[in-house]
Structures are given as structure tokens and as C-alpha cells.
Amino acid sequence: MTPLVTTITILCVIGISVGQILFKKAALSIIDASQWQDWALNGWLISALVLYGITTLVWIWVLRHAPLHLAYPFMALAFIIVPVLGRLLLSEPMHFKTLVGGLLILVGITVAASAP
């Protein structure tokens, strides 16, 4: 993958990760889940859906320019980015096992991305 495609791929992963945080914020802000207005007028949810839509379109561009076996392993970075953002932005706990798992994911991405 070229440096440009790699950079855009990583930006997609970051976009998906931020989207997950926005979905969590949306879930926390819904007062009455039985009321459709609480869903339809939820700014966090609308923001998450817009970000996911944009990221999906950019991901399609990535897939036009990179083999799936190289691009897709980068999506696993979300398993690291989301818990870190959850800790930083939502004060959620971060566990040692999550960090170890994240390190293993990074090793896996490195192996997959370096394959001939």
C-alpha cells in the first residue's frame, strides 16, 4: 500500500473509532428509549451516523486502491483506539488485558501488512 492509501486507511479506522464513542454518547443521552423522538433528534446519534456514512464512502475508496488482505487488518486497530478513547473521553476503565490484547493486535497487523 502506498503511504497515501495507508494514511487514509488509518483515518478511516480513527473515524470508525470516534463513531463508536459518538454511539456510546448517544446511548447515554437517550432518556426514554421507547420514544422515537429521543432517537431521531439525538445529536450524538446523528453525528455518529454521518461520520459512519462518510467513513464508509472513504473506505470504499481505500478498497479501490488497496488489496483487502492488506487494508482490512488495519480495522483491528479500532480494538485499541476505542478503549483508549473510552478512557480519555468517557472515563471508562482500561484493563491490563485490553492493553495486552491491543499489543497482540498490533503484532498481527504488522505480520499481515508485511506479507508478500
PDB file of N, CA and C in Angstrom:
ATOM      1  N   MET A   1       0.842  -1.181   0.000  1.00  0.00           N
ATOM      2  CA  MET A   1       0.000   0.000   0.000  1.00  0.00           C
ATOM      3  C   MET A   1       0.883   1.239   0.000  1.00  0.00           C
ATOM      4  N   THR A   2       0.450   2.233  -0.724  1.00  0.00           N
ATOM      5  CA  THR A   2       1.217   3.478  -0.761  1.00  0.00           C
ATOM      6  C   THR A   2       1.045   4.231   0.570  1.00  0.00           C
ATOM      7  N   PRO A   3       1.940   5.156   0.857  1.00  0.00           N
ATOM      8  CA  PRO A   3       1.778   5.945   2.084  1.00  0.00           C
ATOM      9  C   PRO A   3       0.435   6.689   2.135  1.00  0.00           C
ATOM     10  N   LEU A   4      -0.033   7.200   1.000  1.00  0.00           N
ATOM     11  CA  LEU A   4      -1.318   7.902   0.969  1.00  0.00           C
ATOM     12  C   LEU A   4      -2.464   6.965   1.334  1.00  0.00           C
ATOM     13  N   VAL A   5      -2.495   5.799   0.726  1.00  0.00           N
ATOM     14  CA  VAL A   5      -3.564   4.830   0.999  1.00  0.00           C
ATOM     15  C   VAL A   5      -3.484   4.358   2.453  1.00  0.00           C
ATOM     16  N   THR A   6      -2.289   4.145   2.939  1.00  0.00           N
ATOM     17  CA  THR A   6      -2.121   3.735   4.334  1.00  0.00           C
ATOM     18  C   THR A   6      -2.641   4.814   5.280  1.00  0.00           C
ATOM     19  N   THR A   7      -2.313   6.062   4.992  1.00  0.00           N
ATOM     20  CA  THR A   7      -2.769   7.177   5.832  1.00  0.00           C
ATOM     21  C   THR A   7      -4.292   7.278   5.820  1.00  0.00           C
ATOM     22  N   ILE A   8      -4.882   7.181   4.657  1.00  0.00           N
ATOM     23  CA  ILE A   8      -6.338   7.274   4.552  1.00  0.00           C
ATOM     24  C   ILE A   8      -6.997   6.071   5.232  1.00  0.00           C
ATOM     25  N   THR A   9      -6.379   4.909   5.145  1.00  0.00           N
ATOM     26  CA  THR A   9      -6.891   3.722   5.829  1.00  0.00           C
ATOM     27  C   THR A   9      -6.907   3.951   7.336  1.00  0.00           C
ATOM     28  N   ILE A  10      -5.835   4.490   7.863  1.00  0.00           N
ATOM     29  CA  ILE A  10      -5.761   4.765   9.302  1.00  0.00           C
ATOM     30  C   ILE A  10      -6.790   5.824   9.692  1.00  0.00           C
ATOM     31  N   LEU A  11      -6.992   6.828   8.837  1.00  0.00           N
ATOM     32  CA  LEU A  11      -8.021   7.836   9.118  1.00  0.00           C
ATOM     33  C   LEU A  11      -9.415   7.207   9.154  1.00  0.00           C
ATOM     34  N   CYS A  12      -9.654   6.226   8.295  1.00  0.00           N
ATOM     35  CA  CYS A  12     -10.931   5.509   8.335  1.00  0.00           C
ATOM     36  C   CYS A  12     -11.109   4.795   9.665  1.00  0.00           C
ATOM     37  N   VAL A  13     -10.069   4.149  10.126  1.00  0.00           N
ATOM     38  CA  VAL A  13     -10.143   3.444  11.409  1.00  0.00           C
ATOM     39  C   VAL A  13     -10.404   4.437  12.540  1.00  0.00           C
ATOM     40  N   ILE A  14      -9.753   5.568  12.500  1.00  0.00           N
ATOM     41  CA  ILE A  14      -9.984   6.593  13.519  1.00  0.00           C
ATOM     42  C   ILE A  14     -11.423   7.092  13.433  1.00  0.00           C
ATOM     43  N   GLY A  15     -11.935   7.297  12.220  1.00  0.00           N
ATOM     44  CA  GLY A  15     -13.320   7.728  12.045  1.00  0.00           C
ATOM     45  C   GLY A  15     -14.304   6.721  12.620  1.00  0.00           C
ATOM     46  N   ILE A  16     -14.085   5.445  12.351  1.00  0.00           N
ATOM     47  CA  ILE A  16     -14.946   4.392  12.895  1.00  0.00           C
ATOM     48  C   ILE A  16     -14.860   4.391  14.422  1.00  0.00           C
ATOM     49  N   SER A  17     -13.677   4.578  14.949  1.00  0.00           N
ATOM     50  CA  SER A  17     -13.482   4.575  16.408  1.00  0.00           C
ATOM     51  C   SER A  17     -14.187   5.755  17.062  1.00  0.00           C
ATOM     52  N   VAL A  18     -14.044   6.935  16.484  1.00  0.00           N
ATOM     53  CA  VAL A  18     -14.741   8.101  17.012  1.00  0.00           C
ATOM     54  C   VAL A  18     -16.253   7.891  16.902  1.00  0.00           C
ATOM     55  N   GLY A  19     -16.692   7.265  15.813  1.00  0.00           N
ATOM     56  CA  GLY A  19     -18.106   6.944  15.656  1.00  0.00           C
ATOM     57  C   GLY A  19     -18.624   6.074  16.790  1.00  0.00           C
ATOM     58  N   GLN A  20     -17.817   5.120  17.226  1.00  0.00           N
ATOM     59  CA  GLN A  20     -18.218   4.272  18.344  1.00  0.00           C
ATOM     60  C   GLN A  20     -18.405   5.086  19.623  1.00  0.00           C
ATOM     61  N   ILE A  21     -17.522   6.045  19.837  1.00  0.00           N
ATOM     62  CA  ILE A  21     -17.662   6.911  21.015  1.00  0.00           C
ATOM     63  C   ILE A  21     -18.934   7.749  20.899  1.00  0.00           C
ATOM     64  N   LEU A  22     -19.211   8.248  19.702  1.00  0.00           N
ATOM     65  CA  LEU A  22     -20.437   9.016  19.497  1.00  0.00           C
ATOM     66  C   LEU A  22     -21.677   8.152  19.724  1.00  0.00           C
ATOM     67  N   PHE A  23     -21.648   6.892  19.282  1.00  0.00           N
ATOM     68  CA  PHE A  23     -22.769   5.982  19.536  1.00  0.00           C
ATOM     69  C   PHE A  23     -22.965   5.769  21.034  1.00  0.00           C
ATOM     70  N   LYS A  24     -21.875   5.647  21.765  1.00  0.00           N
ATOM     71  CA  LYS A  24     -21.967   5.489  23.222  1.00  0.00           C
ATOM     72  C   LYS A  24     -22.577   6.737  23.851  1.00  0.00           C
ATOM     73  N   LYS A  25     -22.121   7.922  23.419  1.00  0.00           N
ATOM     74  CA  LYS A  25     -22.693   9.164  23.923  1.00  0.00           C
ATOM     75  C   LYS A  25     -24.187   9.238  23.594  1.00  0.00           C
ATOM     76  N   ALA A  26     -24.557   8.793  22.408  1.00  0.00           N
ATOM     77  CA  ALA A  26     -25.974   8.775  22.027  1.00  0.00           C
ATOM     78  C   ALA A  26     -26.758   7.866  22.956  1.00  0.00           C
ATOM     79  N   ALA A  27     -26.223   6.690  23.218  1.00  0.00           N
ATOM     80  CA  ALA A  27     -26.910   5.740  24.087  1.00  0.00           C
ATOM     81  C   ALA A  27     -27.083   6.300  25.492  1.00  0.00           C
ATOM     82  N   LEU A  28     -26.057   6.967  25.984  1.00  0.00           N
ATOM     83  CA  LEU A  28     -26.129   7.537  27.329  1.00  0.00           C
ATOM     84  C   LEU A  28     -27.100   8.715  27.419  1.00  0.00           C
ATOM     85  N   SER A  29     -27.334   9.379  26.302  1.00  0.00           N
ATOM     86  CA  SER A  29     -28.182  10.578  26.328  1.00  0.00           C
ATOM     87  C   SER A  29     -29.654  10.277  26.049  1.00  0.00           C
ATOM     88  N   ILE A  30     -29.972   9.061  25.651  1.00  0.00           N
ATOM     89  CA  ILE A  30     -31.371   8.714  25.391  1.00  0.00           C
ATOM     90  C   ILE A  30     -32.069   8.493  26.727  1.00  0.00           C
ATOM     91  N   ILE A  31     -33.030   9.349  27.004  1.00  0.00           N
ATOM     92  CA  ILE A  31     -33.737   9.296  28.285  1.00  0.00           C
ATOM     93  C   ILE A  31     -34.814   8.219  28.269  1.00  0.00           C
ATOM     94  N   ASP A  32     -35.623   8.199  27.227  1.00  0.00           N
ATOM     95  CA  ASP A  32     -36.714   7.230  27.124  1.00  0.00           C
ATOM     96  C   ASP A  32     -36.584   6.514  25.784  1.00  0.00           C
ATOM     97  N   ALA A  33     -36.047   5.307  25.814  1.00  0.00           N
ATOM     98  CA  ALA A  33     -35.782   4.567  24.578  1.00  0.00           C
ATOM     99  C   ALA A  33     -37.053   4.186  23.840  1.00  0.00           C
ATOM    100  N   SER A  34     -38.194   4.294  24.473  1.00  0.00           N
ATOM    101  CA  SER A  34     -39.446   3.947  23.794  1.00  0.00           C
ATOM    102  C   SER A  34     -39.994   5.114  22.970  1.00  0.00           C
ATOM    103  N   GLN A  35     -39.410   6.276  23.128  1.00  0.00           N
ATOM    104  CA  GLN A  35     -39.868   7.460  22.386  1.00  0.00           C
ATOM    105  C   GLN A  35     -38.994   7.661  21.148  1.00  0.00           C
ATOM    106  N   TRP A  36     -39.597   7.597  19.971  1.00  0.00           N
ATOM    107  CA  TRP A  36     -38.829   7.714  18.736  1.00  0.00           C
ATOM    108  C   TRP A  36     -38.125   9.074  18.633  1.00  0.00           C
ATOM    109  N   GLN A  37     -38.697  10.104  19.254  1.00  0.00           N
ATOM    110  CA  GLN A  37     -38.088  11.435  19.189  1.00  0.00           C
ATOM    111  C   GLN A  37     -36.727  11.458  19.883  1.00  0.00           C
ATOM    112  N   ASP A  38     -36.596  10.678  20.952  1.00  0.00           N
ATOM    113  CA  ASP A  38     -35.313  10.622  21.650  1.00  0.00           C
ATOM    114  C   ASP A  38     -34.228  10.011  20.764  1.00  0.00           C
ATOM    115  N   TRP A  39     -34.629   9.206  19.820  1.00  0.00           N
ATOM    116  CA  TRP A  39     -33.682   8.610  18.879  1.00  0.00           C
ATOM    117  C   TRP A  39     -33.451   9.534  17.682  1.00  0.00           C
ATOM    118  N   ALA A  40     -34.539   9.966  17.072  1.00  0.00           N
ATOM    119  CA  ALA A  40     -34.456  10.722  15.820  1.00  0.00           C
ATOM    120  C   ALA A  40     -33.836  12.103  15.999  1.00  0.00           C
ATOM    121  N   LEU A  41     -33.991  12.689  17.169  1.00  0.00           N
ATOM    122  CA  LEU A  41     -33.490  14.043  17.406  1.00  0.00           C
ATOM    123  C   LEU A  41     -32.217  14.054  18.245  1.00  0.00           C
ATOM    124  N   ASN A  42     -31.594  12.905  18.383  1.00  0.00           N
ATOM    125  CA  ASN A  42     -30.391  12.778  19.201  1.00  0.00           C
ATOM    126  C   ASN A  42     -29.179  13.243  18.387  1.00  0.00           C
ATOM    127  N   GLY A  43     -28.605  14.378  18.779  1.00  0.00           N
ATOM    128  CA  GLY A  43     -27.461  14.935  18.051  1.00  0.00           C
ATOM    129  C   GLY A  43     -26.255  14.011  18.022  1.00  0.00           C
ATOM    130  N   TRP A  44     -26.014  13.292  19.121  1.00  0.00           N
ATOM    131  CA  TRP A  44     -24.895  12.344  19.153  1.00  0.00           C
ATOM    132  C   TRP A  44     -25.107  11.234  18.121  1.00  0.00           C
ATOM    133  N   LEU A  45     -26.325  10.735  18.056  1.00  0.00           N
ATOM    134  CA  LEU A  45     -26.630   9.654  17.112  1.00  0.00           C
ATOM    135  C   LEU A  45     -26.530  10.139  15.675  1.00  0.00           C
ATOM    136  N   ILE A  46     -27.065  11.304  15.409  1.00  0.00           N
ATOM    137  CA  ILE A  46     -26.981  11.864  14.058  1.00  0.00           C
ATOM    138  C   ILE A  46     -25.524  12.067  13.659  1.00  0.00           C
ATOM    139  N   SER A  47     -24.721  12.593  14.570  1.00  0.00           N
ATOM    140  CA  SER A  47     -23.291  12.791  14.288  1.00  0.00           C
ATOM    141  C   SER A  47     -22.598  11.462  14.006  1.00  0.00           C
ATOM    142  N   ALA A  48     -22.907  10.451  14.799  1.00  0.00           N
ATOM    143  CA  ALA A  48     -22.293   9.134  14.600  1.00  0.00           C
ATOM    144  C   ALA A  48     -22.669   8.559  13.247  1.00  0.00           C
ATOM    145  N   LEU A  49     -23.936   8.669  12.876  1.00  0.00           N
ATOM    146  CA  LEU A  49     -24.383   8.125  11.593  1.00  0.00           C
ATOM    147  C   LEU A  49     -23.755   8.864  10.416  1.00  0.00           C
ATOM    148  N   VAL A  50     -23.637  10.181  10.526  1.00  0.00           N
ATOM    149  CA  VAL A  50     -22.993  10.959   9.458  1.00  0.00           C
ATOM    150  C   VAL A  50     -21.524  10.563   9.331  1.00  0.00           C
ATOM    151  N   LEU A  51     -20.838  10.471  10.467  1.00  0.00           N
ATOM    152  CA  LEU A  51     -19.426  10.083  10.443  1.00  0.00           C
ATOM    153  C   LEU A  51     -19.257   8.680   9.854  1.00  0.00           C
ATOM    154  N   TYR A  52     -20.113   7.744  10.268  1.00  0.00           N
ATOM    155  CA  TYR A  52     -20.047   6.391   9.721  1.00  0.00           C
ATOM    156  C   TYR A  52     -20.299   6.392   8.215  1.00  0.00           C
ATOM    157  N   GLY A  53     -21.248   7.216   7.770  1.00  0.00           N
ATOM    158  CA  GLY A  53     -21.529   7.289   6.335  1.00  0.00           C
ATOM    159  C   GLY A  53     -20.340   7.801   5.542  1.00  0.00           C
ATOM    160  N   ILE A  54     -19.746   8.876   6.024  1.00  0.00           N
ATOM    161  CA  ILE A  54     -18.571   9.442   5.352  1.00  0.00           C
ATOM    162  C   ILE A  54     -17.417   8.441   5.369  1.00  0.00           C
ATOM    163  N   THR A  55     -17.194   7.841   6.523  1.00  0.00           N
ATOM    164  CA  THR A  55     -16.096   6.877   6.651  1.00  0.00           C
ATOM    165  C   THR A  55     -16.309   5.681   5.725  1.00  0.00           C
ATOM    166  N   THR A  56     -17.543   5.246   5.578  1.00  0.00           N
ATOM    167  CA  THR A  56     -17.841   4.128   4.679  1.00  0.00           C
ATOM    168  C   THR A  56     -17.502   4.486   3.237  1.00  0.00           C
ATOM    169  N   LEU A  57     -17.848   5.696   2.824  1.00  0.00           N
ATOM    170  CA  LEU A  57     -17.522   6.120   1.461  1.00  0.00           C
ATOM    171  C   LEU A  57     -16.012   6.187   1.248  1.00  0.00           C
ATOM    172  N   VAL A  58     -15.295   6.696   2.242  1.00  0.00           N
ATOM    173  CA  VAL A  58     -13.828   6.753   2.129  1.00  0.00           C
ATOM    174  C   VAL A  58     -13.250   5.342   2.128  1.00  0.00           C
ATOM    175  N   TRP A  59     -13.829   4.436   2.927  1.00  0.00           N
ATOM    176  CA  TRP A  59     -13.354   3.049   2.964  1.00  0.00           C
ATOM    177  C   TRP A  59     -13.503   2.389   1.597  1.00  0.00           C
ATOM    178  N   ILE A  60     -14.586   2.698   0.898  1.00  0.00           N
ATOM    179  CA  ILE A  60     -14.769   2.165  -0.463  1.00  0.00           C
ATOM    180  C   ILE A  60     -13.648   2.661  -1.365  1.00  0.00           C
ATOM    181  N   TRP A  61     -13.252   3.921  -1.195  1.00  0.00           N
ATOM    182  CA  TRP A  61     -12.123   4.447  -1.965  1.00  0.00           C
ATOM    183  C   TRP A  61     -10.853   3.665  -1.636  1.00  0.00           C
ATOM    184  N   VAL A  62     -10.640   3.408  -0.347  1.00  0.00           N
ATOM    185  CA  VAL A  62      -9.462   2.626   0.063  1.00  0.00           C
ATOM    186  C   VAL A  62      -9.472   1.268  -0.626  1.00  0.00           C
ATOM    187  N   LEU A  63     -10.620   0.611  -0.635  1.00  0.00           N
ATOM    188  CA  LEU A  63     -10.703  -0.731  -1.221  1.00  0.00           C
ATOM    189  C   LEU A  63     -10.472  -0.726  -2.732  1.00  0.00           C
ATOM    190  N   ARG A  64     -10.681   0.415  -3.366  1.00  0.00           N
ATOM    191  CA  ARG A  64     -10.360   0.516  -4.794  1.00  0.00           C
ATOM    192  C   ARG A  64      -8.852   0.580  -5.024  1.00  0.00           C
ATOM    193  N   HIS A  65      -8.115   1.013  -3.999  1.00  0.00           N
ATOM    194  CA  HIS A  65      -6.688   1.264  -4.159  1.00  0.00           C
ATOM    195  C   HIS A  65      -5.788   0.320  -3.382  1.00  0.00           C
ATOM    196  N   ALA A  66      -6.360  -0.576  -2.611  1.00  0.00           N
ATOM    197  CA  ALA A  66      -5.535  -1.484  -1.804  1.00  0.00           C
ATOM    198  C   ALA A  66      -6.177  -2.865  -1.784  1.00  0.00           C
ATOM    199  N   PRO A  67      -5.337  -3.890  -1.771  1.00  0.00           N
ATOM    200  CA  PRO A  67      -5.895  -5.241  -1.635  1.00  0.00           C
ATOM    201  C   PRO A  67      -6.549  -5.400  -0.261  1.00  0.00           C
ATOM    202  N   LEU A  68      -7.648  -6.116  -0.234  1.00  0.00           N
ATOM    203  CA  LEU A  68      -8.392  -6.305   1.004  1.00  0.00           C
ATOM    204  C   LEU A  68      -7.537  -6.968   2.079  1.00  0.00           C
ATOM    205  N   HIS A  69      -6.668  -7.905   1.670  1.00  0.00           N
ATOM    206  CA  HIS A  69      -5.847  -8.605   2.672  1.00  0.00           C
ATOM    207  C   HIS A  69      -4.836  -7.678   3.343  1.00  0.00           C
ATOM    208  N   LEU A  70      -4.550  -6.528   2.748  1.00  0.00           N
ATOM    209  CA  LEU A  70      -3.668  -5.545   3.383  1.00  0.00           C
ATOM    210  C   LEU A  70      -4.454  -4.464   4.121  1.00  0.00           C
ATOM    211  N   ALA A  71      -5.566  -4.029   3.541  1.00  0.00           N
ATOM    212  CA  ALA A  71      -6.332  -2.932   4.144  1.00  0.00           C
ATOM    213  C   ALA A  71      -7.113  -3.383   5.373  1.00  0.00           C
ATOM    214  N   TYR A  72      -7.765  -4.527   5.294  1.00  0.00           N
ATOM    215  CA  TYR A  72      -8.687  -4.912   6.351  1.00  0.00           C
ATOM    216  C   TYR A  72      -8.038  -5.114   7.718  1.00  0.00           C
ATOM    217  N   PRO A  73      -6.843  -5.672   7.827  1.00  0.00           N
ATOM    218  CA  PRO A  73      -6.250  -5.812   9.168  1.00  0.00           C
ATOM    219  C   PRO A  73      -6.129  -4.491   9.927  1.00  0.00           C
ATOM    220  N   PHE A  74      -6.049  -3.383   9.209  1.00  0.00           N
ATOM    221  CA  PHE A  74      -5.974  -2.090   9.892  1.00  0.00           C
ATOM    222  C   PHE A  74      -7.233  -1.803  10.701  1.00  0.00           C
ATOM    223  N   MET A  75      -8.373  -2.361  10.289  1.00  0.00           N
ATOM    224  CA  MET A  75      -9.621  -2.154  11.038  1.00  0.00           C
ATOM    225  C   MET A  75      -9.503  -2.687  12.464  1.00  0.00           C
ATOM    226  N   ALA A  76      -8.616  -3.643  12.682  1.00  0.00           N
ATOM    227  CA  ALA A  76      -8.423  -4.186  14.025  1.00  0.00           C
ATOM    228  C   ALA A  76      -7.852  -3.137  14.979  1.00  0.00           C
ATOM    229  N   LEU A  77      -7.270  -2.082  14.433  1.00  0.00           N
ATOM    230  CA  LEU A  77      -6.770  -1.000  15.293  1.00  0.00           C
ATOM    231  C   LEU A  77      -7.889  -0.379  16.123  1.00  0.00           C
ATOM    232  N   ALA A  78      -9.114  -0.502  15.640  1.00  0.00           N
ATOM    233  CA  ALA A  78     -10.253   0.040  16.396  1.00  0.00           C
ATOM    234  C   ALA A  78     -10.381  -0.640  17.751  1.00  0.00           C
ATOM    235  N   PHE A  79      -9.931  -1.893  17.858  1.00  0.00           N
ATOM    236  CA  PHE A  79      -9.980  -2.597  19.134  1.00  0.00           C
ATOM    237  C   PHE A  79      -9.028  -1.978  20.161  1.00  0.00           C
ATOM    238  N   ILE A  80      -8.119  -1.160  19.703  1.00  0.00           N
ATOM    239  CA  ILE A  80      -7.206  -0.444  20.593  1.00  0.00           C
ATOM    240  C   ILE A  80      -7.688   0.995  20.781  1.00  0.00           C
ATOM    241  N   ILE A  81      -8.034   1.636  19.676  1.00  0.00           N
ATOM    242  CA  ILE A  81      -8.391   3.048  19.709  1.00  0.00           C
ATOM    243  C   ILE A  81      -9.667   3.291  20.515  1.00  0.00           C
ATOM    244  N   VAL A  82     -10.677   2.442  20.335  1.00  0.00           N
ATOM    245  CA  VAL A  82     -11.951   2.663  21.028  1.00  0.00           C
ATOM    246  C   VAL A  82     -11.793   2.608  22.551  1.00  0.00           C
ATOM    247  N   PRO A  83     -11.136   1.580  23.112  1.00  0.00           N
ATOM    248  CA  PRO A  83     -10.970   1.605  24.575  1.00  0.00           C
ATOM    249  C   PRO A  83     -10.148   2.797  25.076  1.00  0.00           C
ATOM    250  N   VAL A  84      -9.141   3.202  24.316  1.00  0.00           N
ATOM    251  CA  VAL A  84      -8.342   4.363  24.726  1.00  0.00           C
ATOM    252  C   VAL A  84      -9.210   5.627  24.715  1.00  0.00           C
ATOM    253  N   LEU A  85      -9.989   5.816  23.644  1.00  0.00           N
ATOM    254  CA  LEU A  85     -10.885   6.969  23.593  1.00  0.00           C
ATOM    255  C   LEU A  85     -11.948   6.883  24.689  1.00  0.00           C
ATOM    256  N   GLY A  86     -12.432   5.679  24.955  1.00  0.00           N
ATOM    257  CA  GLY A  86     -13.403   5.494  26.031  1.00  0.00           C
ATOM    258  C   GLY A  86     -12.837   5.912  27.367  1.00  0.00           C
ATOM    259  N   ARG A  87     -11.587   5.610  27.589  1.00  0.00           N
ATOM    260  CA  ARG A  87     -10.911   6.008  28.834  1.00  0.00           C
ATOM    261  C   ARG A  87     -10.727   7.525  28.891  1.00  0.00           C
ATOM    262  N   LEU A  88     -10.253   8.106  27.780  1.00  0.00           N
ATOM    263  CA  LEU A  88      -9.953   9.531  27.753  1.00  0.00           C
ATOM    264  C   LEU A  88     -11.202  10.414  27.749  1.00  0.00           C
ATOM    265  N   LEU A  89     -12.218  10.007  26.998  1.00  0.00           N
ATOM    266  CA  LEU A  89     -13.375  10.868  26.799  1.00  0.00           C
ATOM    267  C   LEU A  89     -14.581  10.515  27.664  1.00  0.00           C
ATOM    268  N   LEU A  90     -14.657   9.257  28.092  1.00  0.00           N
ATOM    269  CA  LEU A  90     -15.825   8.822  28.856  1.00  0.00           C
ATOM    270  C   LEU A  90     -15.468   8.336  30.256  1.00  0.00           C
ATOM    271  N   SER A  91     -14.193   8.411  30.597  1.00  0.00           N
ATOM    272  CA  SER A  91     -13.700   7.940  31.903  1.00  0.00           C
ATOM    273  C   SER A  91     -14.046   6.478  32.167  1.00  0.00           C
ATOM    274  N   GLU A  92     -14.060   5.676  31.119  1.00  0.00           N
ATOM    275  CA  GLU A  92     -14.311   4.250  31.284  1.00  0.00           C
ATOM    276  C   GLU A  92     -13.022   3.562  31.720  1.00  0.00           C
ATOM    277  N   PRO A  93     -13.150   2.427  32.397  1.00  0.00           N
ATOM    278  CA  PRO A  93     -11.948   1.740  32.868  1.00  0.00           C
ATOM    279  C   PRO A  93     -11.150   1.140  31.709  1.00  0.00           C
ATOM    280  N   MET A  94      -9.850   1.083  31.895  1.00  0.00           N
ATOM    281  CA  MET A  94      -8.957   0.438  30.930  1.00  0.00           C
ATOM    282  C   MET A  94      -8.266  -0.682  31.688  1.00  0.00           C
ATOM    283  N   HIS A  95      -8.385  -1.899  31.173  1.00  0.00           N
ATOM    284  CA  HIS A  95      -7.832  -3.056  31.865  1.00  0.00           C
ATOM    285  C   HIS A  95      -6.524  -3.511  31.217  1.00  0.00           C
ATOM    286  N   PHE A  96      -5.690  -4.133  32.014  1.00  0.00           N
ATOM    287  CA  PHE A  96      -4.406  -4.633  31.532  1.00  0.00           C
ATOM    288  C   PHE A  96      -4.598  -5.607  30.378  1.00  0.00           C
ATOM    289  N   LYS A  97      -5.600  -6.461  30.472  1.00  0.00           N
ATOM    290  CA  LYS A  97      -5.852  -7.444  29.413  1.00  0.00           C
ATOM    291  C   LYS A  97      -6.187  -6.758  28.090  1.00  0.00           C
ATOM    292  N   THR A  98      -6.854  -5.618  28.171  1.00  0.00           N
ATOM    293  CA  THR A  98      -7.163  -4.863  26.960  1.00  0.00           C
ATOM    294  C   THR A  98      -5.875  -4.379  26.297  1.00  0.00           C
ATOM    295  N   LEU A  99      -4.930  -3.916  27.108  1.00  0.00           N
ATOM    296  CA  LEU A  99      -3.650  -3.447  26.567  1.00  0.00           C
ATOM    297  C   LEU A  99      -2.850  -4.594  25.960  1.00  0.00           C
ATOM    298  N   VAL A 100      -2.837  -5.737  26.632  1.00  0.00           N
ATOM    299  CA  VAL A 100      -2.122  -6.905  26.106  1.00  0.00           C
ATOM    300  C   VAL A 100      -2.764  -7.355  24.794  1.00  0.00           C
ATOM    301  N   GLY A 101      -4.101  -7.404  24.773  1.00  0.00           N
ATOM    302  CA  GLY A 101      -4.805  -7.769  23.537  1.00  0.00           C
ATOM    303  C   GLY A 101      -4.501  -6.796  22.421  1.00  0.00           C
ATOM    304  N   GLY A 102      -4.456  -5.509  22.754  1.00  0.00           N
ATOM    305  CA  GLY A 102      -4.121  -4.495  21.761  1.00  0.00           C
ATOM    306  C   GLY A 102      -2.728  -4.671  21.204  1.00  0.00           C
ATOM    307  N   LEU A 103      -1.783  -5.022  22.069  1.00  0.00           N
ATOM    308  CA  LEU A 103      -0.416  -5.279  21.607  1.00  0.00           C
ATOM    309  C   LEU A 103      -0.383  -6.470  20.652  1.00  0.00           C
ATOM    310  N   LEU A 104      -1.118  -7.513  20.975  1.00  0.00           N
ATOM    311  CA  LEU A 104      -1.190  -8.687  20.090  1.00  0.00           C
ATOM    312  C   LEU A 104      -1.816  -8.314  18.744  1.00  0.00           C
ATOM    313  N   ILE A 105      -2.816  -7.458  18.775  1.00  0.00           N
ATOM    314  CA  ILE A 105      -3.431  -6.990  17.526  1.00  0.00           C
ATOM    315  C   ILE A 105      -2.414  -6.225  16.685  1.00  0.00           C
ATOM    316  N   LEU A 106      -1.636  -5.354  17.331  1.00  0.00           N
ATOM    317  CA  LEU A 106      -0.604  -4.611  16.591  1.00  0.00           C
ATOM    318  C   LEU A 106       0.411  -5.544  15.953  1.00  0.00           C
ATOM    319  N   VAL A 107       0.797  -6.582  16.681  1.00  0.00           N
ATOM    320  CA  VAL A 107       1.725  -7.575  16.121  1.00  0.00           C
ATOM    321  C   VAL A 107       1.085  -8.257  14.915  1.00  0.00           C
ATOM    322  N   GLY A 108      -0.189  -8.626  15.046  1.00  0.00           N
ATOM    323  CA  GLY A 108      -0.898  -9.263  13.942  1.00  0.00           C
ATOM    324  C   GLY A 108      -1.004  -8.368  12.722  1.00  0.00           C
ATOM    325  N   ILE A 109      -1.274  -7.092  12.940  1.00  0.00           N
ATOM    326  CA  ILE A 109      -1.353  -6.142  11.816  1.00  0.00           C
ATOM    327  C   ILE A 109       0.003  -6.034  11.128  1.00  0.00           C
ATOM    328  N   THR A 110       1.044  -5.974  11.920  1.00  0.00           N
ATOM    329  CA  THR A 110       2.392  -5.877  11.346  1.00  0.00           C
ATOM    330  C   THR A 110       2.705  -7.108  10.507  1.00  0.00           C
ATOM    331  N   VAL A 111       2.386  -8.279  11.021  1.00  0.00           N
ATOM    332  CA  VAL A 111       2.635  -9.528  10.271  1.00  0.00           C
ATOM    333  C   VAL A 111       1.817  -9.530   8.988  1.00  0.00           C
ATOM    334  N   ALA A 112       0.522  -9.205   9.087  1.00  0.00           N
ATOM    335  CA  ALA A 112      -0.354  -9.237   7.905  1.00  0.00           C
ATOM    336  C   ALA A 112       0.059  -8.205   6.861  1.00  0.00           C
ATOM    337  N   ALA A 113       0.439  -7.012   7.309  1.00  0.00           N
ATOM    338  CA  ALA A 113       0.806  -5.939   6.379  1.00  0.00           C
ATOM    339  C   ALA A 113       2.153  -6.187   5.723  1.00  0.00           C
ATOM    340  N   SER A 114       2.987  -7.003   6.338  1.00  0.00           N
ATOM    341  CA  SER A 114       4.312  -7.249   5.764  1.00  0.00           C
ATOM    342  C   SER A 114       4.343  -8.497   4.892  1.00  0.00           C
ATOM    343  N   ALA A 115       3.225  -9.166   4.794  1.00  0.00           N
ATOM    344  CA  ALA A 115       3.178 -10.384   3.969  1.00  0.00           C
ATOM    345  C   ALA A 115       3.391 -10.038   2.503  1.00  0.00           C
ATOM    346  N   PRO A 116       4.084 -10.908   1.776  1.00  0.00           N
ATOM    347  CA  PRO A 116       4.351 -10.612   0.358  1.00  0.00           C
ATOM    348  C   PRO A 116       3.125 -10.627  -0.509  1.00  0.00           C
TER     349      PRO A 116
END
